[in-house]
Amino acid sequence: MSKTTDIATLAEGVQAGDRRALARAITLVESGRADHRDDALALLDRLGTDKQALRIGLSGTPGVGKSTFIESFGLMLTGLGKRVAVLAVDPSSARSGGSILGDKTRMDYLARDPNAFIRPSPSQTQLGGVARRSREAVALCEAAGFDVVLIETVGVGQSETVVAQMADLFVLLLAPAGGDELQGVKRGIMEMADLILVNKADGDLKPQATRTCADYAGALRLLRKRAQDPDGFPKAMTISALEVEGLQSAWDEMMTLTDWRHKNGIWNANREAQASYWFAQDVRNGLLALLLEDPQTAERMRAAQEDVKTGRVTSAAAAAQVLGPLRDRLA
């Protein structure tokens, strides 16, 4: 069987909604091997971009209940007849490069749902906890016919906002009594969030969750209104993923915002801006790879790196020395 036939067969499997084929395709686009990269590009080109799912980026502090929320929310959506894909990005060890990838274990019921697909992926030390090829995995899930793609990231921080560059909606999940969290996530994350969900609004924590929700609602009113939002958005709501309360209301709000953005041309404009952003990122990464493949440039980089380590030259000056000959060559 030829390579072309292999790619064609894999593409047919993905388009037919075969979960094994989809898993193989995601493994292919996540691979760092050059030959696999060529195959991945051929596969993505064959699949095209005709199908679109609702992409929901989800972030939250560790322990806030992201996995519980995703399972409850995903099961609710499959109960509504939706096909749901979950791309759960696990943090990679800076030392070993390994990841636990335990999300399927934490979402046991959703993992067994025939209308759901869960794919844990390592962050590979990428900015914001978004795996290097997460956006291509999203495209594969869309090609496989999923209606909703949930992109779970590893935690909260300024760099986490990169997930907004591949999602149609960005949801921030927080726990009750999150005053300290507000200091850590305000501005960067809150300016990106379309919906803030205060989880664990049940039992003894319910009054605290209500107060926390009110605090965040007040904070959102202080932010500058965005042109991409109708009146009332972004907004904060309370939910209980454990008791499955407030999830339908949260989904209704997501649909209200999505419909408004479709009607006002915001949806397509966002998708176009995201495509431009990732094109520029791919060009930058490709240029760096080309630099490292050039023996003379690689040697200059090695020598300059040693000078930076020993303090003989600043990093900015060393970078200028490496790029100077290239700039002259292109002039």
Protein backbone atom coordinates (compact mmCIF):
# COMPACT_ATOMS: atom_id res chain seq x y z
CA MET A 1 0.00 0.00 0.00
CA SER A 2 1.43 3.35 -1.02
CA LYS A 3 1.82 6.31 1.28
CA THR A 4 -0.76 8.23 -0.77
CA THR A 5 -3.25 5.39 -0.32
CA ASP A 6 -2.51 5.30 3.42
CA ILE A 7 -3.30 9.00 3.76
CA ALA A 8 -6.42 8.63 1.63
CA THR A 9 -7.64 5.71 3.75
CA LEU A 10 -6.93 7.58 6.96
CA ALA A 11 -8.78 10.65 5.66
CA GLU A 12 -11.80 8.51 4.74
CA GLY A 13 -11.81 7.01 8.22
CA VAL A 14 -11.69 10.43 9.87
CA GLN A 15 -14.51 11.77 7.69
CA ALA A 16 -16.57 8.68 8.50
CA GLY A 17 -16.26 9.47 12.20
CA ASP A 18 -14.09 6.43 12.98
CA ARG A 19 -12.59 7.18 16.40
CA ARG A 20 -9.57 4.92 15.83
CA ALA A 21 -8.79 6.74 12.60
CA LEU A 22 -9.18 10.07 14.37
CA ALA A 23 -6.82 8.96 17.16
CA ARG A 24 -4.24 7.87 14.57
CA ALA A 25 -4.60 11.16 12.72
CA ILE A 26 -4.04 13.22 15.89
CA THR A 27 -0.99 11.12 16.73
CA LEU A 28 0.32 11.91 13.25
CA VAL A 29 -0.11 15.69 13.54
CA GLU A 30 1.45 15.69 17.03
CA SER A 31 4.55 13.84 15.87
CA GLY A 32 7.82 15.75 15.66
CA ARG A 33 9.28 13.59 12.88
CA ALA A 34 9.84 15.39 9.58
CA ASP A 35 8.36 12.57 7.48
CA HIS A 36 5.31 12.44 9.72
CA ARG A 37 4.95 16.20 9.37
CA ASP A 38 4.76 15.88 5.58
CA ASP A 39 2.10 13.18 5.93
CA ALA A 40 0.17 15.31 8.44
CA LEU A 41 0.10 18.27 6.05
CA ALA A 42 -1.09 16.01 3.23
CA LEU A 43 -3.84 14.63 5.46
CA LEU A 44 -5.03 18.07 6.56
CA ASP A 45 -5.02 19.27 2.96
CA ARG A 46 -7.11 16.28 1.88
CA LEU A 47 -9.65 16.80 4.67
CA GLY A 48 -10.10 20.51 3.93
CA THR A 49 -11.89 23.04 6.15
CA ASP A 50 -15.53 22.64 5.10
CA LYS A 51 -16.88 21.48 8.48
CA GLN A 52 -16.98 23.76 11.51
CA ALA A 53 -17.62 22.84 15.13
CA LEU A 54 -18.17 25.15 18.08
CA ARG A 55 -14.73 25.43 19.66
CA ILE A 56 -14.83 26.12 23.39
CA GLY A 57 -11.60 26.91 25.21
CA LEU A 58 -11.72 26.06 28.91
CA SER A 59 -9.27 27.18 31.57
CA GLY A 60 -9.24 27.22 35.34
CA THR A 61 -7.06 26.93 38.39
CA PRO A 62 -5.89 23.45 39.49
CA GLY A 63 -8.51 21.76 41.65
CA VAL A 64 -11.38 23.88 40.40
CA GLY A 65 -13.10 20.82 38.93
CA LYS A 66 -12.34 21.11 35.20
CA SER A 67 -12.55 17.36 34.59
CA THR A 68 -15.80 17.04 36.54
CA PHE A 69 -17.24 19.98 34.63
CA ILE A 70 -16.18 18.63 31.25
CA GLU A 71 -17.67 15.21 32.00
CA SER A 72 -20.99 16.60 33.25
CA PHE A 73 -21.17 19.22 30.51
CA GLY A 74 -20.15 16.73 27.82
CA LEU A 75 -22.74 14.18 28.93
CA MET A 76 -25.40 16.89 28.90
CA LEU A 77 -24.44 17.83 25.34
CA THR A 78 -24.45 14.23 24.10
CA GLY A 79 -27.87 13.91 25.75
CA LEU A 80 -28.96 16.79 23.52
CA GLY A 81 -27.79 14.85 20.48
CA LYS A 82 -24.44 16.60 20.09
CA ARG A 83 -21.18 14.86 19.26
CA VAL A 84 -18.48 16.13 21.62
CA ALA A 85 -14.68 15.97 21.33
CA VAL A 86 -12.43 16.84 24.27
CA LEU A 87 -8.81 17.82 23.73
CA ALA A 88 -7.31 17.81 27.21
CA VAL A 89 -3.81 19.26 27.34
CA ASP A 90 -1.72 17.87 30.21
CA PRO A 91 1.40 19.65 31.49
CA SER A 92 4.70 18.14 30.37
CA SER A 93 7.61 17.79 32.75
CA ALA A 94 10.32 20.36 32.06
CA ARG A 95 12.86 17.75 33.17
CA SER A 96 11.74 14.53 31.49
CA GLY A 97 9.22 15.82 28.94
CA GLY A 98 6.67 13.26 30.16
CA SER A 99 3.00 13.79 30.98
CA ILE A 100 0.51 11.85 33.11
CA LEU A 101 -2.32 12.03 30.52
CA GLY A 102 -4.91 10.89 33.05
CA ASP A 103 -7.95 12.75 31.75
CA LYS A 104 -9.70 9.66 30.37
CA THR A 105 -9.48 8.09 33.83
CA ARG A 106 -11.05 11.17 35.42
CA MET A 107 -13.83 11.26 32.80
CA ASP A 108 -14.79 7.60 32.83
CA TYR A 109 -18.48 7.99 31.96
CA LEU A 110 -17.86 10.47 29.14
CA ALA A 111 -15.03 8.32 27.76
CA ARG A 112 -17.52 5.45 27.32
CA ASP A 113 -20.13 7.60 25.57
CA PRO A 114 -20.27 6.63 21.86
CA ASN A 115 -20.91 10.26 20.92
CA ALA A 116 -17.84 11.57 22.75
CA PHE A 117 -14.12 11.44 22.05
CA ILE A 118 -11.45 12.32 24.61
CA ARG A 119 -7.85 12.90 23.62
CA PRO A 120 -5.25 13.78 26.28
CA SER A 121 -2.15 15.40 24.79
CA PRO A 122 1.12 16.62 26.32
CA SER A 123 1.68 20.38 26.37
CA GLN A 124 5.28 19.78 25.21
CA THR A 125 6.29 22.87 27.26
CA GLN A 126 4.37 25.11 24.86
CA LEU A 127 3.22 28.56 25.95
CA GLY A 128 -0.17 28.53 27.65
CA GLY A 129 -0.30 24.75 27.98
CA VAL A 130 -1.62 24.38 24.44
CA ALA A 131 0.10 21.53 22.63
CA ARG A 132 2.09 22.50 19.55
CA ARG A 133 -0.44 21.00 17.14
CA SER A 134 -3.63 21.41 19.19
CA ARG A 135 -5.24 23.60 16.55
CA GLU A 136 -4.66 20.90 13.94
CA ALA A 137 -6.21 18.32 16.26
CA VAL A 138 -9.23 20.63 16.48
CA ALA A 139 -9.43 20.68 12.67
CA LEU A 140 -9.34 16.87 12.61
CA CYS A 141 -12.19 16.68 15.13
CA GLU A 142 -14.21 19.06 12.96
CA ALA A 143 -13.52 16.92 9.90
CA ALA A 144 -14.73 13.89 11.88
CA GLY A 145 -18.10 15.58 12.30
CA PHE A 146 -18.04 16.60 15.96
CA ASP A 147 -20.41 19.42 16.84
CA VAL A 148 -18.52 20.76 19.87
CA VAL A 149 -14.79 20.66 20.59
CA LEU A 150 -13.72 21.41 24.17
CA ILE A 151 -10.08 22.49 24.54
CA GLU A 152 -8.97 22.13 28.15
CA THR A 153 -5.71 23.82 29.12
CA VAL A 154 -3.46 23.12 32.06
CA GLY A 155 -4.05 26.12 34.33
CA VAL A 156 -4.42 29.87 34.63
CA GLY A 157 -1.88 32.58 33.83
CA GLN A 158 -1.17 35.39 31.41
CA SER A 159 0.23 32.97 28.80
CA GLU A 160 -2.96 30.90 28.99
CA THR A 161 -4.72 33.39 26.74
CA VAL A 162 -3.15 31.71 23.69
CA VAL A 163 -6.10 29.27 23.78
CA ALA A 164 -8.33 32.16 22.72
CA GLN A 165 -6.50 32.07 19.37
CA MET A 166 -8.09 28.73 18.52
CA ALA A 167 -11.48 28.91 20.26
CA ASP A 168 -14.79 30.52 19.36
CA LEU A 169 -15.72 30.88 23.03
CA PHE A 170 -13.42 31.12 26.03
CA VAL A 171 -14.74 29.89 29.38
CA LEU A 172 -12.98 30.53 32.67
CA LEU A 173 -13.83 28.11 35.49
CA LEU A 174 -13.28 29.33 39.05
CA ALA A 175 -13.93 28.09 42.58
CA PRO A 176 -15.78 29.88 45.41
CA ALA A 177 -13.81 32.36 47.51
CA GLY A 178 -11.55 33.17 44.57
CA GLY A 179 -10.50 36.64 45.67
CA ASP A 180 -6.82 35.79 45.48
CA GLU A 181 -7.39 34.13 42.13
CA LEU A 182 -8.88 37.36 40.81
CA GLN A 183 -5.57 39.13 41.42
CA GLY A 184 -3.77 36.42 39.48
CA VAL A 185 -6.07 36.19 36.49
CA LYS A 186 -7.52 39.69 36.03
CA ARG A 187 -6.84 41.67 32.87
CA GLY A 188 -5.16 39.04 30.69
CA ILE A 189 -7.55 36.18 31.29
CA MET A 190 -10.65 38.15 32.17
CA GLU A 191 -10.35 40.29 29.05
CA MET A 192 -10.40 37.08 27.01
CA ALA A 193 -13.19 35.29 28.92
CA ASP A 194 -16.66 35.19 27.36
CA LEU A 195 -18.15 33.38 30.33
CA ILE A 196 -16.92 32.97 33.91
CA LEU A 197 -18.39 29.93 35.66
CA VAL A 198 -18.03 29.72 39.44
CA ASN A 199 -18.09 25.98 40.10
CA LYS A 200 -18.91 24.03 43.28
CA ALA A 201 -22.04 26.09 43.96
CA ASP A 202 -23.52 23.33 46.08
CA GLY A 203 -23.83 22.37 49.75
CA ASP A 204 -22.05 24.61 52.23
CA LEU A 205 -20.16 26.36 49.43
CA LYS A 206 -23.27 27.64 47.64
CA PRO A 207 -23.55 30.99 49.49
CA GLN A 208 -19.82 31.57 49.03
CA ALA A 209 -20.09 30.73 45.34
CA THR A 210 -22.91 33.26 44.95
CA ARG A 211 -20.83 35.99 46.58
CA THR A 212 -17.81 35.11 44.44
CA CYS A 213 -19.95 35.24 41.31
CA ALA A 214 -21.17 38.70 42.29
CA ASP A 215 -17.57 39.84 42.82
CA TYR A 216 -16.55 38.67 39.36
CA ALA A 217 -19.66 40.16 37.77
CA GLY A 218 -18.67 43.49 39.30
CA ALA A 219 -15.11 43.12 38.04
CA LEU A 220 -16.36 42.39 34.52
CA ARG A 221 -18.39 45.60 34.51
CA LEU A 222 -15.17 47.55 35.11
CA LEU A 223 -13.57 46.18 31.96
CA ARG A 224 -13.91 48.01 28.66
CA LYS A 225 -16.81 46.69 26.59
CA ARG A 226 -15.69 44.64 23.59
CA ALA A 227 -17.12 45.16 20.12
CA GLN A 228 -17.48 41.38 19.75
CA ASP A 229 -20.03 41.14 22.59
CA PRO A 230 -23.75 41.92 22.85
CA ASP A 231 -25.13 43.64 25.93
CA GLY A 232 -24.65 41.61 29.08
CA PHE A 233 -21.48 39.84 27.96
CA PRO A 234 -19.07 38.74 29.21
CA LYS A 235 -20.93 37.46 32.26
CA ALA A 236 -20.39 35.40 35.41
CA MET A 237 -22.62 32.50 36.50
CA THR A 238 -22.69 29.88 39.25
CA ILE A 239 -22.76 26.16 38.43
CA SER A 240 -22.36 22.82 40.16
CA ALA A 241 -20.68 20.28 37.92
CA LEU A 242 -21.07 17.66 40.66
CA GLU A 243 -24.83 18.11 40.95
CA VAL A 244 -25.26 19.07 37.27
CA GLU A 245 -26.87 22.39 38.12
CA GLY A 246 -26.59 25.49 35.96
CA LEU A 247 -25.01 23.64 33.03
CA GLN A 248 -28.04 24.00 30.76
CA SER A 249 -28.18 27.73 31.56
CA ALA A 250 -24.48 28.05 30.76
CA TRP A 251 -25.02 26.28 27.43
CA ASP A 252 -27.96 28.56 26.63
CA GLU A 253 -25.75 31.61 27.24
CA MET A 254 -23.07 30.15 24.99
CA MET A 255 -25.65 29.65 22.24
CA THR A 256 -26.97 33.21 22.69
CA LEU A 257 -23.47 34.63 22.27
CA THR A 258 -22.63 32.31 19.37
CA ASP A 259 -25.84 33.17 17.47
CA TRP A 260 -25.25 36.90 17.97
CA ARG A 261 -21.70 36.65 16.68
CA HIS A 262 -22.85 34.69 13.63
CA LYS A 263 -25.53 37.25 12.81
CA ASN A 264 -23.16 40.21 13.22
CA GLY A 265 -20.21 38.76 11.29
CA ILE A 266 -18.04 38.43 14.39
CA TRP A 267 -17.72 34.64 14.13
CA ASN A 268 -16.16 34.67 10.66
CA ALA A 269 -13.98 37.68 11.49
CA ASN A 270 -12.60 35.86 14.54
CA ARG A 271 -11.90 32.71 12.53
CA GLU A 272 -10.09 34.75 9.88
CA ALA A 273 -7.99 36.56 12.50
CA GLN A 274 -7.08 33.25 14.12
CA ALA A 275 -6.05 31.76 10.77
CA SER A 276 -3.78 34.77 10.15
CA TYR A 277 -2.27 34.46 13.63
CA TRP A 278 -1.40 30.77 13.21
CA PHE A 279 -0.05 31.37 9.71
CA ALA A 280 2.38 33.93 11.14
CA GLN A 281 3.32 31.51 13.94
CA ASP A 282 4.00 28.72 11.45
CA VAL A 283 6.17 31.02 9.35
CA ARG A 284 8.19 32.05 12.43
CA ASN A 285 8.66 28.45 13.53
CA GLY A 286 9.59 27.41 10.01
CA LEU A 287 12.17 30.18 9.71
CA LEU A 288 13.76 29.15 13.01
CA ALA A 289 13.91 25.54 11.83
CA LEU A 290 15.59 26.65 8.60
CA LEU A 291 18.15 28.65 10.57
CA LEU A 292 19.02 25.64 12.70
CA GLU A 293 19.39 23.46 9.60
CA ASP A 294 22.06 25.79 8.15
CA PRO A 295 25.49 24.60 9.47
CA GLN A 296 27.09 28.06 9.46
CA THR A 297 24.16 29.68 11.25
CA ALA A 298 23.97 26.82 13.75
CA GLU A 299 27.67 27.26 14.56
CA ARG A 300 27.26 31.01 14.97
CA MET A 301 24.34 30.39 17.31
CA ARG A 302 26.37 27.91 19.36
CA ALA A 303 29.29 30.35 19.71
CA ALA A 304 27.01 33.28 20.51
CA GLN A 305 25.17 31.19 23.11
CA GLU A 306 28.45 30.49 24.89
CA ASP A 307 29.24 34.22 24.93
CA VAL A 308 25.81 34.92 26.45
CA LYS A 309 26.29 32.23 29.11
CA THR A 310 29.61 33.67 30.23
CA GLY A 311 28.33 37.25 30.20
CA ARG A 312 30.71 38.47 27.50
CA VAL A 313 27.79 39.80 25.47
CA THR A 314 24.12 40.49 26.06
CA SER A 315 21.50 38.20 24.54
CA ALA A 316 20.17 41.01 22.32
CA ALA A 317 23.65 41.80 20.97
CA ALA A 318 24.40 38.11 20.39
CA ALA A 319 21.15 37.68 18.47
CA ALA A 320 22.03 40.69 16.30
CA GLN A 321 25.43 39.14 15.53
CA VAL A 322 23.80 35.86 14.43
CA LEU A 323 21.13 37.52 12.31
CA GLY A 324 23.44 40.15 10.77
CA PRO A 325 24.91 37.93 8.02
CA LEU A 326 21.42 36.63 7.20
CA ARG A 327 20.08 40.16 6.92
CA ASP A 328 22.97 41.07 4.60
CA ARG A 329 22.30 37.99 2.50
CA LEU A 330 18.64 38.94 2.07
CA ALA A 331 19.35 42.62 1.34
